[in-house]
PDB file of all heavy atoms in Angstrom:
ATOM      1  N   ASN A   1      31.711 330.352 -14.545  1.00  0.00           N
ATOM      2  CA  ASN A   1      32.380 330.506 -15.941  1.00  0.00           C
ATOM      3  C   ASN A   1      31.307 330.181 -16.870  1.00  0.00           C
ATOM      4  O   ASN A   1      30.931 329.067 -17.086  1.00  0.00           O
ATOM      5  CB  ASN A   1      33.514 329.635 -15.999  1.00  0.00           C
ATOM      6  CG  ASN A   1      34.175 329.723 -17.366  1.00  0.00           C
ATOM      7  OD1 ASN A   1      33.644 330.173 -18.459  1.00  0.00           O
ATOM      8  ND2 ASN A   1      35.476 329.324 -17.455  1.00  0.00           N
ATOM      9  N   ILE A   2      30.665 331.120 -17.420  1.00  0.00           N
ATOM     10  CA  ILE A   2      29.325 330.955 -18.042  1.00  0.00           C
ATOM     11  C   ILE A   2      29.652 330.384 -19.445  1.00  0.00           C
ATOM     12  O   ILE A   2      28.765 329.994 -20.224  1.00  0.00           O
ATOM     13  CB  ILE A   2      28.569 332.181 -18.358  1.00  0.00           C
ATOM     14  CG1 ILE A   2      29.263 333.398 -19.041  1.00  0.00           C
ATOM     15  CG2 ILE A   2      28.115 332.647 -16.887  1.00  0.00           C
ATOM     16  CD1 ILE A   2      28.303 334.557 -19.297  1.00  0.00           C
ATOM     17  N   GLU A   3      30.962 330.242 -19.998  1.00  0.00           N
ATOM     18  CA  GLU A   3      31.297 329.600 -21.062  1.00  0.00           C
ATOM     19  C   GLU A   3      31.288 328.104 -21.033  1.00  0.00           C
ATOM     20  O   GLU A   3      31.004 327.212 -21.916  1.00  0.00           O
ATOM     21  CB  GLU A   3      32.610 330.055 -21.775  1.00  0.00           C
ATOM     22  CG  GLU A   3      32.558 331.546 -22.211  1.00  0.00           C
ATOM     23  CD  GLU A   3      33.802 331.965 -22.716  1.00  0.00           C
ATOM     24  OE1 GLU A   3      34.831 331.138 -22.899  1.00  0.00           O
ATOM     25  OE2 GLU A   3      34.002 333.073 -23.198  1.00  0.00           O
ATOM     26  N   LYS A   4      31.686 327.562 -19.762  1.00  0.00           N
ATOM     27  CA  LYS A   4      31.839 326.156 -19.615  1.00  0.00           C
ATOM     28  C   LYS A   4      31.060 325.470 -18.500  1.00  0.00           C
ATOM     29  O   LYS A   4      30.659 324.331 -18.599  1.00  0.00           O
ATOM     30  CB  LYS A   4      33.403 325.906 -19.425  1.00  0.00           C
ATOM     31  CG  LYS A   4      34.248 326.212 -20.401  1.00  0.00           C
ATOM     32  CD  LYS A   4      35.686 325.744 -20.149  1.00  0.00           C
ATOM     33  CE  LYS A   4      36.277 326.426 -18.914  1.00  0.00           C
ATOM     34  NZ  LYS A   4      37.654 325.973 -18.703  1.00  0.00           N
ATOM     35  N   ASP A   5      30.827 326.130 -17.350  1.00  0.00           N
ATOM     36  CA  ASP A   5      30.177 325.629 -16.241  1.00  0.00           C
ATOM     37  C   ASP A   5      28.769 325.266 -16.536  1.00  0.00           C
ATOM     38  O   ASP A   5      28.066 325.792 -17.280  1.00  0.00           O
ATOM     39  CB  ASP A   5      30.174 326.566 -15.004  1.00  0.00           C
ATOM     40  CG  ASP A   5      31.564 326.774 -14.458  1.00  0.00           C
ATOM     41  OD1 ASP A   5      32.536 326.039 -14.897  1.00  0.00           O
ATOM     42  OD2 ASP A   5      31.781 327.609 -13.609  1.00  0.00           O
ATOM     43  N   GLU A   6      28.347 324.154 -15.841  1.00  0.00           N
ATOM     44  CA  GLU A   6      26.922 323.659 -16.090  1.00  0.00           C
ATOM     45  C   GLU A   6      26.048 323.850 -14.713  1.00  0.00           C
ATOM     46  O   GLU A   6      26.619 323.734 -13.557  1.00  0.00           O
ATOM     47  CB  GLU A   6      26.907 322.324 -16.476  1.00  0.00           C
ATOM     48  CG  GLU A   6      27.374 322.057 -17.873  1.00  0.00           C
ATOM     49  CD  GLU A   6      27.063 320.673 -18.443  1.00  0.00           C
ATOM     50  OE1 GLU A   6      25.798 320.355 -18.598  1.00  0.00           O
ATOM     51  OE2 GLU A   6      27.937 319.920 -18.826  1.00  0.00           O
ATOM     52  N   PHE A   7      24.793 324.259 -14.915  1.00  0.00           N
ATOM     53  CA  PHE A   7      23.866 324.350 -13.832  1.00  0.00           C
ATOM     54  C   PHE A   7      23.003 323.101 -13.643  1.00  0.00           C
ATOM     55  O   PHE A   7      22.003 322.829 -14.236  1.00  0.00           O
ATOM     56  CB  PHE A   7      22.856 325.588 -14.249  1.00  0.00           C
ATOM     57  CG  PHE A   7      21.968 325.984 -13.075  1.00  0.00           C
ATOM     58  CD1 PHE A   7      22.330 326.314 -11.843  1.00  0.00           C
ATOM     59  CD2 PHE A   7      20.558 326.019 -13.471  1.00  0.00           C
ATOM     60  CE1 PHE A   7      21.469 326.733 -10.809  1.00  0.00           C
ATOM     61  CE2 PHE A   7      19.703 326.304 -12.502  1.00  0.00           C
ATOM     62  CZ  PHE A   7      20.071 326.710 -11.130  1.00  0.00           C
ATOM     63  N   PHE A   8      23.636 322.207 -12.936  1.00  0.00           N
ATOM     64  CA  PHE A   8      23.195 320.889 -12.648  1.00  0.00           C
ATOM     65  C   PHE A   8      21.966 320.916 -11.583  1.00  0.00           C
ATOM     66  O   PHE A   8      21.952 321.452 -10.510  1.00  0.00           O
ATOM     67  CB  PHE A   8      24.139 319.873 -12.120  1.00  0.00           C
ATOM     68  CG  PHE A   8      25.139 319.433 -13.214  1.00  0.00           C
ATOM     69  CD1 PHE A   8      26.552 319.779 -12.962  1.00  0.00           C
ATOM     70  CD2 PHE A   8      24.868 318.930 -14.356  1.00  0.00           C
ATOM     71  CE1 PHE A   8      27.542 319.477 -13.780  1.00  0.00           C
ATOM     72  CE2 PHE A   8      25.895 318.557 -15.346  1.00  0.00           C
ATOM     73  CZ  PHE A   8      27.113 319.040 -15.069  1.00  0.00           C
ATOM     74  N   ILE A   9      20.939 320.172 -11.893  1.00  0.00           N
ATOM     75  CA  ILE A   9      19.792 319.940 -10.873  1.00  0.00           C
ATOM     76  C   ILE A   9      20.142 319.332  -9.633  1.00  0.00           C
ATOM     77  O   ILE A   9      19.749 319.780  -8.593  1.00  0.00           O
ATOM     78  CB  ILE A   9      18.507 319.368 -11.648  1.00  0.00           C
ATOM     79  CG1 ILE A   9      17.303 319.363 -10.614  1.00  0.00           C
ATOM     80  CG2 ILE A   9      18.796 317.922 -12.037  1.00  0.00           C
ATOM     81  CD1 ILE A   9      16.767 320.739 -10.299  1.00  0.00           C
ATOM     82  N   PRO A  10      21.025 318.353  -9.569  1.00  0.00           N
ATOM     83  CA  PRO A  10      21.595 317.773  -8.235  1.00  0.00           C
ATOM     84  C   PRO A  10      22.084 318.881  -7.337  1.00  0.00           C
ATOM     85  O   PRO A  10      21.842 318.853  -6.134  1.00  0.00           O
ATOM     86  CB  PRO A  10      22.503 316.731  -8.676  1.00  0.00           C
ATOM     87  CG  PRO A  10      22.190 316.351 -10.063  1.00  0.00           C
ATOM     88  CD  PRO A  10      21.583 317.538 -10.682  1.00  0.00           C
ATOM     89  N   ARG A  11      22.810 319.861  -8.006  1.00  0.00           N
ATOM     90  CA  ARG A  11      23.451 320.901  -7.111  1.00  0.00           C
ATOM     91  C   ARG A  11      22.246 321.831  -6.482  1.00  0.00           C
ATOM     92  O   ARG A  11      22.309 322.291  -5.418  1.00  0.00           O
ATOM     93  CB  ARG A  11      24.410 321.820  -7.876  1.00  0.00           C
ATOM     94  CG  ARG A  11      25.577 321.039  -8.305  1.00  0.00           C
ATOM     95  CD  ARG A  11      26.537 321.925  -9.157  1.00  0.00           C
ATOM     96  NE  ARG A  11      27.633 321.045  -9.660  1.00  0.00           N
ATOM     97  CZ  ARG A  11      28.564 321.722 -10.566  1.00  0.00           C
ATOM     98  NH1 ARG A  11      28.344 322.855 -11.022  1.00  0.00           N
ATOM     99  NH2 ARG A  11      29.514 320.761 -11.059  1.00  0.00           N
ATOM    100  N   VAL A  12      21.164 321.937  -7.220  1.00  0.00           N
ATOM    101  CA  VAL A  12      20.054 322.797  -6.826  1.00  0.00           C
ATOM    102  C   VAL A  12      19.517 322.070  -5.664  1.00  0.00           C
ATOM    103  O   VAL A  12      19.190 322.655  -4.562  1.00  0.00           O
ATOM    104  CB  VAL A  12      19.125 323.052  -7.965  1.00  0.00           C
ATOM    105  CG1 VAL A  12      18.023 323.737  -7.376  1.00  0.00           C
ATOM    106  CG2 VAL A  12      19.763 323.889  -8.967  1.00  0.00           C
ATOM    107  N   ILE A  13      19.157 320.806  -5.949  1.00  0.00           N
ATOM    108  CA  ILE A  13      18.477 319.989  -4.785  1.00  0.00           C
ATOM    109  C   ILE A  13      19.326 319.936  -3.511  1.00  0.00           C
ATOM    110  O   ILE A  13      18.861 319.936  -2.400  1.00  0.00           O
ATOM    111  CB  ILE A  13      18.157 318.695  -5.282  1.00  0.00           C
ATOM    112  CG1 ILE A  13      17.235 318.622  -6.570  1.00  0.00           C
ATOM    113  CG2 ILE A  13      17.552 317.647  -4.286  1.00  0.00           C
ATOM    114  CD1 ILE A  13      15.882 319.239  -6.344  1.00  0.00           C
ATOM    115  N   ASP A  14      20.657 319.703  -3.742  1.00  0.00           N
ATOM    116  CA  ASP A  14      21.521 319.626  -2.526  1.00  0.00           C
ATOM    117  C   ASP A  14      21.507 320.769  -1.695  1.00  0.00           C
ATOM    118  O   ASP A  14      21.561 320.804  -0.575  1.00  0.00           O
ATOM    119  CB  ASP A  14      22.986 319.386  -3.174  1.00  0.00           C
ATOM    120  CG  ASP A  14      23.894 319.064  -2.010  1.00  0.00           C
ATOM    121  OD1 ASP A  14      23.744 318.119  -1.200  1.00  0.00           O
ATOM    122  OD2 ASP A  14      24.994 319.944  -1.951  1.00  0.00           O
ATOM    123  N   ARG A  15      21.481 321.946  -2.309  1.00  0.00           N
ATOM    124  CA  ARG A  15      21.408 323.272  -1.654  1.00  0.00           C
ATOM    125  C   ARG A  15      20.133 323.406  -0.810  1.00  0.00           C
ATOM    126  O   ARG A  15      20.082 323.791   0.192  1.00  0.00           O
ATOM    127  CB  ARG A  15      21.669 324.404  -2.620  1.00  0.00           C
ATOM    128  CG  ARG A  15      21.657 325.739  -1.815  1.00  0.00           C
ATOM    129  CD  ARG A  15      22.176 326.781  -2.738  1.00  0.00           C
ATOM    130  NE  ARG A  15      21.644 328.059  -2.376  1.00  0.00           N
ATOM    131  CZ  ARG A  15      21.881 329.261  -2.946  1.00  0.00           C
ATOM    132  NH1 ARG A  15      22.586 329.187  -4.174  1.00  0.00           N
ATOM    133  NH2 ARG A  15      21.548 330.465  -2.616  1.00  0.00           N
ATOM    134  N   VAL A  16      18.945 323.021  -1.535  1.00  0.00           N
ATOM    135  CA  VAL A  16      17.646 323.015  -0.957  1.00  0.00           C
ATOM    136  C   VAL A  16      17.715 322.162   0.380  1.00  0.00           C
ATOM    137  O   VAL A  16      17.096 322.634   1.436  1.00  0.00           O
ATOM    138  CB  VAL A  16      16.600 322.543  -1.941  1.00  0.00           C
ATOM    139  CG1 VAL A  16      15.293 322.226  -1.299  1.00  0.00           C
ATOM    140  CG2 VAL A  16      16.269 323.595  -3.065  1.00  0.00           C
ATOM    141  N   VAL A  17      18.202 321.061   0.307  1.00  0.00           N
ATOM    142  CA  VAL A  17      18.284 320.194   1.382  1.00  0.00           C
ATOM    143  C   VAL A  17      19.098 320.721   2.453  1.00  0.00           C
ATOM    144  O   VAL A  17      18.765 320.746   3.708  1.00  0.00           O
ATOM    145  CB  VAL A  17      18.811 318.718   0.977  1.00  0.00           C
ATOM    146  CG1 VAL A  17      19.249 317.896   2.213  1.00  0.00           C
ATOM    147  CG2 VAL A  17      17.908 318.013   0.070  1.00  0.00           C
ATOM    148  N   LYS A  18      20.311 321.210   2.090  1.00  0.00           N
ATOM    149  CA  LYS A  18      21.267 321.731   3.219  1.00  0.00           C
ATOM    150  C   LYS A  18      20.741 322.932   3.801  1.00  0.00           C
ATOM    151  O   LYS A  18      21.103 323.285   5.029  1.00  0.00           O
ATOM    152  CB  LYS A  18      22.629 321.797   2.462  1.00  0.00           C
ATOM    153  CG  LYS A  18      23.281 320.466   2.399  1.00  0.00           C
ATOM    154  CD  LYS A  18      24.570 320.524   1.652  1.00  0.00           C
ATOM    155  CE  LYS A  18      25.288 319.043   1.487  1.00  0.00           C
ATOM    156  NZ  LYS A  18      26.358 319.030   0.791  1.00  0.00           N
ATOM    157  N   GLU A  19      19.957 323.707   3.160  1.00  0.00           N
ATOM    158  CA  GLU A  19      19.374 325.062   3.669  1.00  0.00           C
ATOM    159  C   GLU A  19      17.972 324.703   4.363  1.00  0.00           C
ATOM    160  O   GLU A  19      17.325 325.591   4.855  1.00  0.00           O
ATOM    161  CB  GLU A  19      19.160 326.035   2.597  1.00  0.00           C
ATOM    162  CG  GLU A  19      20.560 326.509   2.072  1.00  0.00           C
ATOM    163  CD  GLU A  19      20.298 327.556   0.993  1.00  0.00           C
ATOM    164  OE1 GLU A  19      19.288 327.855   0.588  1.00  0.00           O
ATOM    165  OE2 GLU A  19      21.361 328.169   0.526  1.00  0.00           O
ATOM    166  N   LYS A  20      17.716 323.312   4.345  1.00  0.00           N
ATOM    167  CA  LYS A  20      16.436 322.860   5.109  1.00  0.00           C
ATOM    168  C   LYS A  20      15.216 323.490   4.555  1.00  0.00           C
ATOM    169  O   LYS A  20      14.270 323.779   5.303  1.00  0.00           O
ATOM    170  CB  LYS A  20      16.593 323.106   6.613  1.00  0.00           C
ATOM    171  CG  LYS A  20      17.831 322.356   7.220  1.00  0.00           C
ATOM    172  CD  LYS A  20      17.831 322.365   8.749  1.00  0.00           C
ATOM    173  CE  LYS A  20      18.991 321.811   9.333  1.00  0.00           C
ATOM    174  NZ  LYS A  20      19.258 320.412   8.904  1.00  0.00           N
ATOM    175  N   LYS A  21      15.152 323.770   3.283  1.00  0.00           N
ATOM    176  CA  LYS A  21      13.984 324.494   2.650  1.00  0.00           C
ATOM    177  C   LYS A  21      13.032 323.320   2.345  1.00  0.00           C
ATOM    178  O   LYS A  21      11.754 323.553   2.229  1.00  0.00           O
ATOM    179  CB  LYS A  21      14.334 325.219   1.366  1.00  0.00           C
ATOM    180  CG  LYS A  21      15.103 326.458   1.614  1.00  0.00           C
ATOM    181  CD  LYS A  21      15.575 327.115   0.385  1.00  0.00           C
ATOM    182  CE  LYS A  21      16.208 328.388   0.636  1.00  0.00           C
ATOM    183  NZ  LYS A  21      16.599 329.172  -0.509  1.00  0.00           N
ATOM    184  N   LYS A  22      13.538 322.151   2.000  1.00  0.00           N
ATOM    185  CA  LYS A  22      12.665 320.976   1.686  1.00  0.00           C
ATOM    186  C   LYS A  22      13.274 319.650   2.008  1.00  0.00           C
ATOM    187  O   LYS A  22      14.562 319.615   1.672  1.00  0.00           O
ATOM    188  CB  LYS A  22      12.313 321.156   0.163  1.00  0.00           C
ATOM    189  CG  LYS A  22      10.911 320.510  -0.340  1.00  0.00           C
ATOM    190  CD  LYS A  22       9.877 321.560  -0.096  1.00  0.00           C
ATOM    191  CE  LYS A  22       8.591 321.276  -0.750  1.00  0.00           C
ATOM    192  NZ  LYS A  22       7.598 322.320  -0.562  1.00  0.00           N
ATOM    193  N   LYS A  23      12.561 318.609   2.387  1.00  0.00           N
ATOM    194  CA  LYS A  23      13.177 317.407   2.444  1.00  0.00           C
ATOM    195  C   LYS A  23      12.920 316.639   1.138  1.00  0.00           C
ATOM    196  O   LYS A  23      12.038 316.774   0.475  1.00  0.00           O
ATOM    197  CB  LYS A  23      12.446 316.518   3.576  1.00  0.00           C
ATOM    198  CG  LYS A  23      12.791 317.252   5.033  1.00  0.00           C
ATOM    199  CD  LYS A  23      11.906 316.572   6.038  1.00  0.00           C
ATOM    200  CE  LYS A  23      12.522 315.184   6.426  1.00  0.00           C
ATOM    201  NZ  LYS A  23      11.939 314.569   7.563  1.00  0.00           N
ATOM    202  N   VAL A  24      13.888 315.699   0.910  1.00  0.00           N
ATOM    203  CA  VAL A  24      13.791 314.746  -0.337  1.00  0.00           C
ATOM    204  C   VAL A  24      13.814 313.342  -0.054  1.00  0.00           C
ATOM    205  O   VAL A  24      14.807 312.917   0.451  1.00  0.00           O
ATOM    206  CB  VAL A  24      15.014 315.218  -1.305  1.00  0.00           C
ATOM    207  CG1 VAL A  24      14.842 314.365  -2.457  1.00  0.00           C
ATOM    208  CG2 VAL A  24      15.040 316.677  -1.641  1.00  0.00           C
ATOM    209  N   ARG A  25      12.713 312.802  -0.166  1.00  0.00           N
ATOM    210  CA  ARG A  25      12.573 311.358   0.181  1.00  0.00           C
ATOM    211  C   ARG A  25      13.227 310.610  -1.031  1.00  0.00           C
ATOM    212  O   ARG A  25      13.028 310.909  -2.252  1.00  0.00           O
ATOM    213  CB  ARG A  25      11.115 310.898   0.406  1.00  0.00           C
ATOM    214  CG  ARG A  25      11.063 309.444   0.752  1.00  0.00           C
ATOM    215  CD  ARG A  25       9.472 309.133   0.894  1.00  0.00           C
ATOM    216  NE  ARG A  25       8.778 309.831   1.886  1.00  0.00           N
ATOM    217  CZ  ARG A  25       8.747 309.336   3.211  1.00  0.00           C
ATOM    218  NH1 ARG A  25       9.284 308.278   3.533  1.00  0.00           N
ATOM    219  NH2 ARG A  25       8.053 310.088   4.045  1.00  0.00           N
ATOM    220  N   VAL A  26      13.929 309.565  -0.509  1.00  0.00           N
ATOM    221  CA  VAL A  26      14.567 308.691  -1.679  1.00  0.00           C
ATOM    222  C   VAL A  26      13.984 307.294  -1.690  1.00  0.00           C
ATOM    223  O   VAL A  26      13.972 306.574  -0.782  1.00  0.00           O
ATOM    224  CB  VAL A  26      16.206 308.498  -1.318  1.00  0.00           C
ATOM    225  CG1 VAL A  26      16.687 307.658  -2.432  1.00  0.00           C
ATOM    226  CG2 VAL A  26      16.738 309.943  -1.286  1.00  0.00           C
ATOM    227  N   TYR A  27      13.344 307.013  -2.838  1.00  0.00           N
ATOM    228  CA  TYR A  27      12.817 305.697  -3.124  1.00  0.00           C
ATOM    229  C   TYR A  27      13.847 304.957  -3.915  1.00  0.00           C
ATOM    230  O   TYR A  27      14.636 305.503  -4.746  1.00  0.00           O
ATOM    231  CB  TYR A  27      11.647 305.736  -3.985  1.00  0.00           C
ATOM    232  CG  TYR A  27      10.443 306.576  -3.331  1.00  0.00           C
ATOM    233  CD1 TYR A  27      10.188 307.911  -3.572  1.00  0.00           C
ATOM    234  CD2 TYR A  27       9.608 305.789  -2.362  1.00  0.00           C
ATOM    235  CE1 TYR A  27       9.278 308.595  -2.881  1.00  0.00           C
ATOM    236  CE2 TYR A  27       8.653 306.558  -1.774  1.00  0.00           C
ATOM    237  CZ  TYR A  27       8.474 307.861  -1.972  1.00  0.00           C
ATOM    238  OH  TYR A  27       7.418 308.630  -1.514  1.00  0.00           O
ATOM    239  N   GLN A  28      14.086 303.626  -3.733  1.00  0.00           N
ATOM    240  CA  GLN A  28      15.034 302.863  -4.302  1.00  0.00           C
ATOM    241  C   GLN A  28      14.582 301.803  -5.191  1.00  0.00           C
ATOM    242  O   GLN A  28      13.554 301.205  -4.799  1.00  0.00           O
ATOM    243  CB  GLN A  28      16.083 302.308  -3.286  1.00  0.00           C
ATOM    244  CG  GLN A  28      16.878 303.341  -2.570  1.00  0.00           C
ATOM    245  CD  GLN A  28      17.819 302.867  -1.601  1.00  0.00           C
ATOM    246  OE1 GLN A  28      18.687 301.956  -2.048  1.00  0.00           O
ATOM    247  NE2 GLN A  28      17.958 303.432  -0.453  1.00  0.00           N
ATOM    248  N   THR A  29      15.151 301.505  -6.292  1.00  0.00           N
ATOM    249  CA  THR A  29      14.777 300.373  -7.195  1.00  0.00           C
ATOM    250  C   THR A  29      15.952 299.561  -7.516  1.00  0.00           C
ATOM    251  O   THR A  29      17.099 300.005  -7.622  1.00  0.00           O
ATOM    252  CB  THR A  29      14.167 300.961  -8.454  1.00  0.00           C
ATOM    253  OG1 THR A  29      13.730 299.866  -9.302  1.00  0.00           O
ATOM    254  CG2 THR A  29      15.218 301.911  -9.197  1.00  0.00           C
ATOM    255  N   SER A  30      15.648 298.308  -7.636  1.00  0.00           N
ATOM    256  CA  SER A  30      16.768 297.297  -8.072  1.00  0.00           C
ATOM    257  C   SER A  30      16.767 297.214  -9.533  1.00  0.00           C
ATOM    258  O   SER A  30      17.479 296.259 -10.057  1.00  0.00           O
ATOM    259  CB  SER A  30      16.508 296.004  -7.458  1.00  0.00           C
ATOM    260  OG  SER A  30      15.303 295.445  -7.776  1.00  0.00           O
ATOM    261  N   ALA A  31      15.957 297.961 -10.306  1.00  0.00           N
ATOM    262  CA  ALA A  31      15.942 297.891 -11.766  1.00  0.00           C
ATOM    263  C   ALA A  31      17.246 298.102 -12.299  1.00  0.00           C
ATOM    264  O   ALA A  31      18.027 298.963 -11.869  1.00  0.00           O
ATOM    265  CB  ALA A  31      14.772 298.866 -12.284  1.00  0.00           C
ATOM    266  N   VAL A  32      17.421 297.453 -13.508  1.00  0.00           N
ATOM    267  CA  VAL A  32      18.740 297.767 -14.211  1.00  0.00           C
ATOM    268  C   VAL A  32      18.476 298.900 -15.103  1.00  0.00           C
ATOM    269  O   VAL A  32      17.456 298.938 -15.967  1.00  0.00           O
ATOM    270  CB  VAL A  32      19.120 296.455 -15.122  1.00  0.00           C
ATOM    271  CG1 VAL A  32      20.303 296.853 -16.074  1.00  0.00           C
ATOM    272  CG2 VAL A  32      19.372 295.392 -14.206  1.00  0.00           C
ATOM    273  N   TRP A  33      19.287 299.808 -15.124  1.00  0.00           N
ATOM    274  CA  TRP A  33      19.330 301.035 -16.105  1.00  0.00           C
ATOM    275  C   TRP A  33      19.713 300.574 -17.520  1.00  0.00           C
ATOM    276  O   TRP A  33      20.708 299.819 -17.619  1.00  0.00           O
ATOM    277  CB  TRP A  33      20.097 302.158 -15.611  1.00  0.00           C
ATOM    278  CG  TRP A  33      20.475 303.262 -16.604  1.00  0.00           C
ATOM    279  CD1 TRP A  33      19.652 304.276 -16.899  1.00  0.00           C
ATOM    280  CD2 TRP A  33      21.611 303.322 -17.401  1.00  0.00           C
ATOM    281  NE1 TRP A  33      20.297 304.974 -17.836  1.00  0.00           N
ATOM    282  CE2 TRP A  33      21.571 304.461 -18.199  1.00  0.00           C
ATOM    283  CE3 TRP A  33      22.818 302.431 -17.570  1.00  0.00           C
ATOM    284  CZ2 TRP A  33      22.469 304.770 -19.011  1.00  0.00           C
ATOM    285  CZ3 TRP A  33      23.808 302.861 -18.370  1.00  0.00           C
ATOM    286  CH2 TRP A  33      23.617 304.063 -19.271  1.00  0.00           C
ATOM    287  N   TYR A  34      19.048 301.096 -18.484  1.00  0.00           N
ATOM    288  CA  TYR A  34      19.447 301.078 -19.884  1.00  0.00           C
ATOM    289  C   TYR A  34      19.452 302.546 -20.399  1.00  0.00           C
ATOM    290  O   TYR A  34      18.577 303.285 -20.174  1.00  0.00           O
ATOM    291  CB  TYR A  34      18.667 300.251 -20.745  1.00  0.00           C
ATOM    292  CG  TYR A  34      18.700 298.813 -20.292  1.00  0.00           C
ATOM    293  CD1 TYR A  34      17.531 298.356 -19.508  1.00  0.00           C
ATOM    294  CD2 TYR A  34      19.616 297.902 -20.605  1.00  0.00           C
ATOM    295  CE1 TYR A  34      17.459 297.023 -19.054  1.00  0.00           C
ATOM    296  CE2 TYR A  34      19.604 296.598 -20.148  1.00  0.00           C
ATOM    297  CZ  TYR A  34      18.528 296.195 -19.344  1.00  0.00           C
ATOM    298  OH  TYR A  34      18.539 294.873 -18.963  1.00  0.00           O
ATOM    299  N   GLY A  35      20.556 302.897 -21.204  1.00  0.00           N
ATOM    300  CA  GLY A  35      20.751 304.213 -21.600  1.00  0.00           C
ATOM    301  C   GLY A  35      21.557 304.288 -22.864  1.00  0.00           C
ATOM    302  O   GLY A  35      22.281 303.373 -23.258  1.00  0.00           O
TER     303      GLY A  35
END
């Protein structure tokens, strides 16, 4: 629905991973986010 739906980058990455096109290494931080 091009009036409302959003093209999110996490959805792109999720598909790349599930189609085994690329691996995504996850680094983790204990930092507190501010926004």
